[in-house]
PDB file of N, CA and C in Angstrom:
ATOM      1  N   MET A   1     152.144 131.083  90.625  1.00  0.00           N
ATOM      2  CA  MET A   1     152.215 132.355  90.879  1.00  0.00           C
ATOM      3  C   MET A   1     153.672 132.935  90.915  1.00  0.00           C
ATOM      4  N   ALA A   2     153.795 134.227  90.753  1.00  0.00           N
ATOM      5  CA  ALA A   2     155.051 134.921  90.728  1.00  0.00           C
ATOM      6  C   ALA A   2     155.706 134.681  92.146  1.00  0.00           C
ATOM      7  N   GLN A   3     157.061 134.668  92.190  1.00  0.00           N
ATOM      8  CA  GLN A   3     157.827 134.633  93.538  1.00  0.00           C
ATOM      9  C   GLN A   3     158.339 135.911  93.652  1.00  0.00           C
ATOM     10  N   GLY A   4     158.744 136.252  94.917  1.00  0.00           N
ATOM     11  CA  GLY A   4     159.426 137.454  95.274  1.00  0.00           C
ATOM     12  C   GLY A   4     158.482 138.623  95.302  1.00  0.00           C
ATOM     13  N   PRO A   5     158.999 139.842  95.360  1.00  0.00           N
ATOM     14  CA  PRO A   5     158.104 140.957  95.634  1.00  0.00           C
ATOM     15  C   PRO A   5     157.061 141.294  94.512  1.00  0.00           C
ATOM     16  N   ASN A   6     157.146 140.592  93.380  1.00  0.00           N
ATOM     17  CA  ASN A   6     156.176 140.840  92.264  1.00  0.00           C
ATOM     18  C   ASN A   6     155.121 139.705  92.269  1.00  0.00           C
ATOM     19  N   ALA A   7     154.891 139.026  93.434  1.00  0.00           N
ATOM     20  CA  ALA A   7     153.805 138.083  93.429  1.00  0.00           C
ATOM     21  C   ALA A   7     152.440 138.730  93.118  1.00  0.00           C
ATOM     22  N   ILE A   8     151.699 137.909  92.420  1.00  0.00           N
ATOM     23  CA  ILE A   8     150.323 138.484  91.999  1.00  0.00           C
ATOM     24  C   ILE A   8     149.335 138.135  93.011  1.00  0.00           C
ATOM     25  N   VAL A   9     148.667 139.231  93.448  1.00  0.00           N
ATOM     26  CA  VAL A   9     147.471 139.061  94.400  1.00  0.00           C
ATOM     27  C   VAL A   9     146.227 138.772  93.521  1.00  0.00           C
ATOM     28  N   PRO A  10     145.594 137.676  93.942  1.00  0.00           N
ATOM     29  CA  PRO A  10     144.366 137.303  93.236  1.00  0.00           C
ATOM     30  C   PRO A  10     143.233 138.234  93.538  1.00  0.00           C
ATOM     31  N   PRO A  11     142.250 138.507  92.573  1.00  0.00           N
ATOM     32  CA  PRO A  11     141.141 139.358  92.828  1.00  0.00           C
ATOM     33  C   PRO A  11     140.136 138.553  93.816  1.00  0.00           C
ATOM     34  N   PRO A  12     139.341 139.170  94.464  1.00  0.00           N
ATOM     35  CA  PRO A  12     138.475 138.530  95.460  1.00  0.00           C
ATOM     36  C   PRO A  12     137.267 137.828  94.670  1.00  0.00           C
ATOM     37  N   PRO A  13     136.710 136.816  95.098  1.00  0.00           N
ATOM     38  CA  PRO A  13     135.538 136.152  94.487  1.00  0.00           C
ATOM     39  C   PRO A  13     134.350 136.944  94.490  1.00  0.00           C
ATOM     40  N   ARG A  14     133.527 136.577  93.459  1.00  0.00           N
ATOM     41  CA  ARG A  14     132.171 137.229  93.370  1.00  0.00           C
ATOM     42  C   ARG A  14     131.207 136.388  94.032  1.00  0.00           C
ATOM     43  N   PRO A  15     130.349 136.950  94.908  1.00  0.00           N
ATOM     44  CA  PRO A  15     129.333 136.240  95.694  1.00  0.00           C
ATOM     45  C   PRO A  15     128.386 135.535  94.726  1.00  0.00           C
ATOM     46  N   THR A  16     127.915 134.433  95.050  1.00  0.00           N
ATOM     47  CA  THR A  16     126.893 133.711  94.236  1.00  0.00           C
ATOM     48  C   THR A  16     125.525 133.773  94.800  1.00  0.00           C
ATOM     49  N   GLY A  17     125.406 134.165  96.069  1.00  0.00           N
ATOM     50  CA  GLY A  17     124.055 134.190  96.761  1.00  0.00           C
ATOM     51  C   GLY A  17     123.883 133.038  97.675  1.00  0.00           C
ATOM     52  N   ASP A  18     124.686 131.952  97.480  1.00  0.00           N
ATOM     53  CA  ASP A  18     124.565 130.824  98.389  1.00  0.00           C
ATOM     54  C   ASP A  18     125.545 131.025  99.402  1.00  0.00           C
ATOM     55  N   PRO A  19     125.161 131.104 100.713  1.00  0.00           N
ATOM     56  CA  PRO A  19     126.100 131.359 101.794  1.00  0.00           C
ATOM     57  C   PRO A  19     127.153 130.273 102.021  1.00  0.00           C
ATOM     58  N   ALA A  20     126.787 128.982 101.896  1.00  0.00           N
ATOM     59  CA  ALA A  20     127.736 128.020 101.918  1.00  0.00           C
ATOM     60  C   ALA A  20     128.844 128.061 100.953  1.00  0.00           C
ATOM     61  N   THR A  21     128.429 128.289  99.668  1.00  0.00           N
ATOM     62  CA  THR A  21     129.486 128.371  98.608  1.00  0.00           C
ATOM     63  C   THR A  21     130.245 129.641  98.793  1.00  0.00           C
ATOM     64  N   ASP A  22     129.623 130.747  99.148  1.00  0.00           N
ATOM     65  CA  ASP A  22     130.406 132.047  99.276  1.00  0.00           C
ATOM     66  C   ASP A  22     131.382 132.049 100.287  1.00  0.00           C
ATOM     67  N   VAL A  23     131.065 131.270 101.487  1.00  0.00           N
ATOM     68  CA  VAL A  23     132.063 131.306 102.582  1.00  0.00           C
ATOM     69  C   VAL A  23     133.195 130.401 102.171  1.00  0.00           C
ATOM     70  N   GLN A  24     132.899 129.372 101.563  1.00  0.00           N
ATOM     71  CA  GLN A  24     134.069 128.451 101.117  1.00  0.00           C
ATOM     72  C   GLN A  24     134.943 129.313 100.069  1.00  0.00           C
ATOM     73  N   MET A  25     134.346 129.960  99.126  1.00  0.00           N
ATOM     74  CA  MET A  25     135.106 130.700  98.163  1.00  0.00           C
ATOM     75  C   MET A  25     135.871 131.853  98.830  1.00  0.00           C
ATOM     76  N   LEU A  26     135.304 132.397  99.775  1.00  0.00           N
ATOM     77  CA  LEU A  26     136.028 133.498 100.494  1.00  0.00           C
ATOM     78  C   LEU A  26     137.209 132.877 101.327  1.00  0.00           C
ATOM     79  N   LEU A  27     137.072 131.733 101.976  1.00  0.00           N
ATOM     80  CA  LEU A  27     138.064 131.181 102.754  1.00  0.00           C
ATOM     81  C   LEU A  27     139.183 130.698 101.714  1.00  0.00           C
ATOM     82  N   ASP A  28     138.890 130.085 100.612  1.00  0.00           N
ATOM     83  CA  ASP A  28     139.859 129.753  99.610  1.00  0.00           C
ATOM     84  C   ASP A  28     140.644 130.991  99.144  1.00  0.00           C
ATOM     85  N   TRP A  29     139.961 132.147  98.835  1.00  0.00           N
ATOM     86  CA  TRP A  29     140.619 133.359  98.412  1.00  0.00           C
ATOM     87  C   TRP A  29     141.509 133.906  99.501  1.00  0.00           C
ATOM     88  N   LEU A  30     141.022 133.831 100.793  1.00  0.00           N
ATOM     89  CA  LEU A  30     141.932 134.403 101.822  1.00  0.00           C
ATOM     90  C   LEU A  30     143.123 133.742 101.935  1.00  0.00           C
ATOM     91  N   TRP A  31     143.031 132.329 101.815  1.00  0.00           N
ATOM     92  CA  TRP A  31     144.267 131.557 101.832  1.00  0.00           C
ATOM     93  C   TRP A  31     145.232 131.870 100.739  1.00  0.00           C
ATOM     94  N   THR A  32     144.758 131.942  99.478  1.00  0.00           N
ATOM     95  CA  THR A  32     145.434 132.320  98.206  1.00  0.00           C
ATOM     96  C   THR A  32     146.046 133.677  98.431  1.00  0.00           C
ATOM     97  N   PHE A  33     145.191 134.701  98.976  1.00  0.00           N
ATOM     98  CA  PHE A  33     145.750 135.978  99.195  1.00  0.00           C
ATOM     99  C   PHE A  33     146.872 135.997 100.175  1.00  0.00           C
ATOM    100  N   TYR A  34     146.706 135.224 101.217  1.00  0.00           N
ATOM    101  CA  TYR A  34     147.880 135.100 102.328  1.00  0.00           C
ATOM    102  C   TYR A  34     149.158 134.570 101.634  1.00  0.00           C
ATOM    103  N   GLN A  35     148.925 133.499 100.805  1.00  0.00           N
ATOM    104  CA  GLN A  35     150.032 132.843 100.220  1.00  0.00           C
ATOM    105  C   GLN A  35     150.837 133.865  99.265  1.00  0.00           C
ATOM    106  N   ALA A  36     149.958 134.657  98.464  1.00  0.00           N
ATOM    107  CA  ALA A  36     150.593 135.613  97.516  1.00  0.00           C
ATOM    108  C   ALA A  36     151.241 136.701  98.182  1.00  0.00           C
ATOM    109  N   THR A  37     150.604 137.337  99.209  1.00  0.00           N
ATOM    110  CA  THR A  37     151.099 138.496  99.867  1.00  0.00           C
ATOM    111  C   THR A  37     152.066 138.290 100.924  1.00  0.00           C
ATOM    112  N   VAL A  38     152.104 137.274 101.695  1.00  0.00           N
ATOM    113  CA  VAL A  38     153.022 136.985 102.647  1.00  0.00           C
ATOM    114  C   VAL A  38     154.085 135.948 102.275  1.00  0.00           C
ATOM    115  N   VAL A  39     153.594 134.703 101.952  1.00  0.00           N
ATOM    116  CA  VAL A  39     154.690 133.708 101.710  1.00  0.00           C
ATOM    117  C   VAL A  39     155.436 133.806 100.451  1.00  0.00           C
ATOM    118  N   GLU A  40     154.720 134.138  99.302  1.00  0.00           N
ATOM    119  CA  GLU A  40     155.470 134.095  98.092  1.00  0.00           C
ATOM    120  C   GLU A  40     156.035 135.520  97.809  1.00  0.00           C
ATOM    121  N   SER A  41     155.438 136.504  98.319  1.00  0.00           N
ATOM    122  CA  SER A  41     155.938 137.953  97.974  1.00  0.00           C
ATOM    123  C   SER A  41     157.193 138.171  98.734  1.00  0.00           C
ATOM    124  N   GLY A  42     157.506 137.397  99.733  1.00  0.00           N
ATOM    125  CA  GLY A  42     158.741 137.652 100.667  1.00  0.00           C
ATOM    126  C   GLY A  42     158.472 138.842 101.641  1.00  0.00           C
ATOM    127  N   LEU A  43     157.219 139.139 101.850  1.00  0.00           N
ATOM    128  CA  LEU A  43     156.960 140.177 102.778  1.00  0.00           C
ATOM    129  C   LEU A  43     157.606 139.990 104.185  1.00  0.00           C
ATOM    130  N   LEU A  44     157.747 138.780 104.604  1.00  0.00           N
ATOM    131  CA  LEU A  44     158.426 138.426 105.849  1.00  0.00           C
ATOM    132  C   LEU A  44     159.927 138.082 105.748  1.00  0.00           C
ATOM    133  N   ASP A  45     160.359 138.154 104.433  1.00  0.00           N
ATOM    134  CA  ASP A  45     161.762 137.687 104.200  1.00  0.00           C
ATOM    135  C   ASP A  45     162.642 138.864 104.275  1.00  0.00           C
ATOM    136  N   PRO A  46     163.624 138.780 105.204  1.00  0.00           N
ATOM    137  CA  PRO A  46     164.542 139.934 105.479  1.00  0.00           C
ATOM    138  C   PRO A  46     165.238 140.486 104.229  1.00  0.00           C
ATOM    139  N   ALA A  47     165.328 139.589 103.227  1.00  0.00           N
ATOM    140  CA  ALA A  47     166.093 139.994 101.985  1.00  0.00           C
ATOM    141  C   ALA A  47     165.317 140.996 101.170  1.00  0.00           C
ATOM    142  N   PHE A  48     163.947 141.124 101.368  1.00  0.00           N
ATOM    143  CA  PHE A  48     163.220 142.104 100.767  1.00  0.00           C
ATOM    144  C   PHE A  48     162.795 143.137 101.624  1.00  0.00           C
ATOM    145  N   GLN A  49     163.344 143.340 102.816  1.00  0.00           N
ATOM    146  CA  GLN A  49     162.980 144.393 103.702  1.00  0.00           C
ATOM    147  C   GLN A  49     164.091 145.516 103.689  1.00  0.00           C
ATOM    148  N   ALA A  50     163.730 146.679 103.982  1.00  0.00           N
ATOM    149  CA  ALA A  50     164.765 147.782 104.085  1.00  0.00           C
ATOM    150  C   ALA A  50     165.674 147.519 105.290  1.00  0.00           C
ATOM    151  N   ASN A  51     166.865 148.027 105.091  1.00  0.00           N
ATOM    152  CA  ASN A  51     167.779 147.975 106.231  1.00  0.00           C
ATOM    153  C   ASN A  51     167.420 148.989 107.213  1.00  0.00           C
ATOM    154  N   ALA A  52     167.470 148.753 108.449  1.00  0.00           N
ATOM    155  CA  ALA A  52     167.084 149.662 109.621  1.00  0.00           C
ATOM    156  C   ALA A  52     167.850 150.930 109.544  1.00  0.00           C
ATOM    157  N   GLY A  53     169.064 150.804 109.169  1.00  0.00           N
ATOM    158  CA  GLY A  53     170.014 152.057 109.133  1.00  0.00           C
ATOM    159  C   GLY A  53     169.868 152.892 107.930  1.00  0.00           C
ATOM    160  N   THR A  54     169.025 152.632 106.878  1.00  0.00           N
ATOM    161  CA  THR A  54     168.925 153.402 105.685  1.00  0.00           C
ATOM    162  C   THR A  54     167.830 154.372 105.777  1.00  0.00           C
ATOM    163  N   PHE A  55     166.889 154.386 106.750  1.00  0.00           N
ATOM    164  CA  PHE A  55     165.791 155.337 106.927  1.00  0.00           C
ATOM    165  C   PHE A  55     166.270 156.510 107.660  1.00  0.00           C
ATOM    166  N   ASN A  56     166.059 157.768 107.204  1.00  0.00           N
ATOM    167  CA  ASN A  56     166.310 158.871 108.021  1.00  0.00           C
ATOM    168  C   ASN A  56     165.048 159.838 107.978  1.00  0.00           C
ATOM    169  N   ALA A  57     164.395 160.031 109.118  1.00  0.00           N
ATOM    170  CA  ALA A  57     163.256 160.887 109.166  1.00  0.00           C
ATOM    171  C   ALA A  57     163.561 162.304 108.722  1.00  0.00           C
ATOM    172  N   ASN A  58     164.767 162.738 108.956  1.00  0.00           N
ATOM    173  CA  ASN A  58     164.980 164.168 108.619  1.00  0.00           C
ATOM    174  C   ASN A  58     165.016 164.363 107.047  1.00  0.00           C
ATOM    175  N   ASN A  59     165.029 163.188 106.136  1.00  0.00           N
ATOM    176  CA  ASN A  59     165.011 163.370 104.783  1.00  0.00           C
ATOM    177  C   ASN A  59     163.584 163.416 104.191  1.00  0.00           C
ATOM    178  N   LEU A  60     162.599 163.290 105.082  1.00  0.00           N
ATOM    179  CA  LEU A  60     161.141 163.471 104.736  1.00  0.00           C
ATOM    180  C   LEU A  60     160.849 164.899 104.370  1.00  0.00           C
ATOM    181  N   PRO A  61     159.949 165.103 103.334  1.00  0.00           N
ATOM    182  CA  PRO A  61     159.602 166.493 103.036  1.00  0.00           C
ATOM    183  C   PRO A  61     158.802 167.090 104.203  1.00  0.00           C
ATOM    184  N   ASP A  62     159.061 168.403 104.259  1.00  0.00           N
ATOM    185  CA  ASP A  62     158.267 169.138 105.326  1.00  0.00           C
ATOM    186  C   ASP A  62     156.932 169.510 104.779  1.00  0.00           C
ATOM    187  N   PRO A  63     155.928 169.057 105.431  1.00  0.00           N
ATOM    188  CA  PRO A  63     154.526 169.334 104.850  1.00  0.00           C
ATOM    189  C   PRO A  63     154.153 170.821 104.745  1.00  0.00           C
ATOM    190  N   SER A  64     154.814 171.670 105.518  1.00  0.00           N
ATOM    191  CA  SER A  64     154.497 173.135 105.305  1.00  0.00           C
ATOM    192  C   SER A  64     155.116 173.693 104.020  1.00  0.00           C
ATOM    193  N   ASN A  65     156.168 173.068 103.467  1.00  0.00           N
ATOM    194  CA  ASN A  65     156.719 173.560 102.280  1.00  0.00           C
ATOM    195  C   ASN A  65     156.462 172.726 101.039  1.00  0.00           C
ATOM    196  N   THR A  66     155.561 171.736 101.103  1.00  0.00           N
ATOM    197  CA  THR A  66     155.361 170.894 100.035  1.00  0.00           C
ATOM    198  C   THR A  66     154.213 171.229  99.181  1.00  0.00           C
ATOM    199  N   SER A  67     154.443 171.203  97.863  1.00  0.00           N
ATOM    200  CA  SER A  67     153.394 171.537  96.952  1.00  0.00           C
ATOM    201  C   SER A  67     152.885 170.223  96.224  1.00  0.00           C
ATOM    202  N   ILE A  68     151.856 170.440  95.425  1.00  0.00           N
ATOM    203  CA  ILE A  68     151.475 169.241  94.615  1.00  0.00           C
ATOM    204  C   ILE A  68     152.479 168.696  93.675  1.00  0.00           C
ATOM    205  N   ALA A  69     153.223 169.743  93.086  1.00  0.00           N
ATOM    206  CA  ALA A  69     154.324 169.357  92.175  1.00  0.00           C
ATOM    207  C   ALA A  69     155.331 168.601  92.865  1.00  0.00           C
ATOM    208  N   ARG A  70     155.801 169.056  94.048  1.00  0.00           N
ATOM    209  CA  ARG A  70     156.823 168.403  94.728  1.00  0.00           C
ATOM    210  C   ARG A  70     156.397 166.913  95.194  1.00  0.00           C
ATOM    211  N   SER A  71     155.120 166.871  95.538  1.00  0.00           N
ATOM    212  CA  SER A  71     154.559 165.559  95.922  1.00  0.00           C
ATOM    213  C   SER A  71     154.627 164.621  94.826  1.00  0.00           C
ATOM    214  N   GLN A  72     154.274 165.142  93.742  1.00  0.00           N
ATOM    215  CA  GLN A  72     154.357 164.238  92.384  1.00  0.00           C
ATOM    216  C   GLN A  72     155.820 163.923  92.098  1.00  0.00           C
ATOM    217  N   ASP A  73     156.771 164.826  92.280  1.00  0.00           N
ATOM    218  CA  ASP A  73     158.061 164.469  92.001  1.00  0.00           C
ATOM    219  C   ASP A  73     158.591 163.525  93.003  1.00  0.00           C
ATOM    220  N   THR A  74     158.256 163.519  94.216  1.00  0.00           N
ATOM    221  CA  THR A  74     158.599 162.545  95.227  1.00  0.00           C
ATOM    222  C   THR A  74     158.055 161.171  94.840  1.00  0.00           C
ATOM    223  N   ALA A  75     156.760 161.071  94.388  1.00  0.00           N
ATOM    224  CA  ALA A  75     156.137 159.931  93.940  1.00  0.00           C
ATOM    225  C   ALA A  75     156.874 159.259  92.706  1.00  0.00           C
ATOM    226  N   ASN A  76     157.184 160.082  91.745  1.00  0.00           N
ATOM    227  CA  ASN A  76     157.906 159.697  90.554  1.00  0.00           C
ATOM    228  C   ASN A  76     159.378 159.130  91.002  1.00  0.00           C
ATOM    229  N   ARG A  77     159.980 159.795  91.938  1.00  0.00           N
ATOM    230  CA  ARG A  77     161.325 159.295  92.224  1.00  0.00           C
ATOM    231  C   ARG A  77     161.182 157.985  93.028  1.00  0.00           C
ATOM    232  N   ALA A  78     160.153 157.680  93.683  1.00  0.00           N
ATOM    233  CA  ALA A  78     159.944 156.476  94.445  1.00  0.00           C
ATOM    234  C   ALA A  78     159.566 155.436  93.498  1.00  0.00           C
ATOM    235  N   ILE A  79     158.846 155.629  92.497  1.00  0.00           N
ATOM    236  CA  ILE A  79     158.582 154.646  91.425  1.00  0.00           C
ATOM    237  C   ILE A  79     159.738 154.278  90.697  1.00  0.00           C
ATOM    238  N   ASN A  80     160.601 155.386  90.336  1.00  0.00           N
ATOM    239  CA  ASN A  80     161.857 155.075  89.641  1.00  0.00           C
ATOM    240  C   ASN A  80     162.825 154.272  90.438  1.00  0.00           C
ATOM    241  N   ALA A  81     162.897 154.456  91.731  1.00  0.00           N
ATOM    242  CA  ALA A  81     163.627 153.687  92.492  1.00  0.00           C
ATOM    243  C   ALA A  81     163.165 152.187  92.642  1.00  0.00           C
ATOM    244  N   LEU A  82     161.818 151.951  92.627  1.00  0.00           N
ATOM    245  CA  LEU A  82     161.299 150.623  92.742  1.00  0.00           C
ATOM    246  C   LEU A  82     161.786 149.912  91.416  1.00  0.00           C
ATOM    247  N   LEU A  83     161.524 150.796  90.226  1.00  0.00           N
ATOM    248  CA  LEU A  83     161.797 150.131  88.944  1.00  0.00           C
ATOM    249  C   LEU A  83     163.287 149.771  88.846  1.00  0.00           C
ATOM    250  N   ALA A  84     164.121 150.648  89.289  1.00  0.00           N
ATOM    251  CA  ALA A  84     165.588 150.293  89.284  1.00  0.00           C
ATOM    252  C   ALA A  84     166.064 149.127  90.043  1.00  0.00           C
ATOM    253  N   HIS A  85     165.236 148.760  90.995  1.00  0.00           N
ATOM    254  CA  HIS A  85     165.535 147.566  91.801  1.00  0.00           C
ATOM    255  C   HIS A  85     164.728 146.388  91.560  1.00  0.00           C
ATOM    256  N   GLY A  86     163.996 146.504  90.372  1.00  0.00           N
ATOM    257  CA  GLY A  86     163.095 145.400  89.883  1.00  0.00           C
ATOM    258  C   GLY A  86     161.939 145.059  90.839  1.00  0.00           C
ATOM    259  N   LEU A  87     161.446 146.029  91.716  1.00  0.00           N
ATOM    260  CA  LEU A  87     160.372 145.740  92.660  1.00  0.00           C
ATOM    261  C   LEU A  87     159.118 146.173  92.184  1.00  0.00           C
ATOM    262  N   PHE A  88     158.990 146.799  90.989  1.00  0.00           N
ATOM    263  CA  PHE A  88     157.723 147.298  90.492  1.00  0.00           C
ATOM    264  C   PHE A  88     157.526 146.739  89.069  1.00  0.00           C
ATOM    265  N   PRO A  89     156.364 146.062  88.802  1.00  0.00           N
ATOM    266  CA  PRO A  89     156.225 145.352  87.442  1.00  0.00           C
ATOM    267  C   PRO A  89     156.273 146.394  86.307  1.00  0.00           C
TER     268      PRO A  89
END
């Protein structure tokens, strides 16, 4: 599996109809999901977390002045920032 913030999350298993098999498959998937999302992705690694001093709530858009176009522009800028830092595949 990929390491860092680009770790791949596995798809959930498909039920077979046999409860014993399905429970074991689900438990295996949950463990793999945990490994990919928490351990390998760096979710709890401070190196991949934002610095506390970099967030400013005053920079958030005012909902009363926000349009769909501005929302899309904000989303595009967020994706571009992720791409620039190698955090988006």
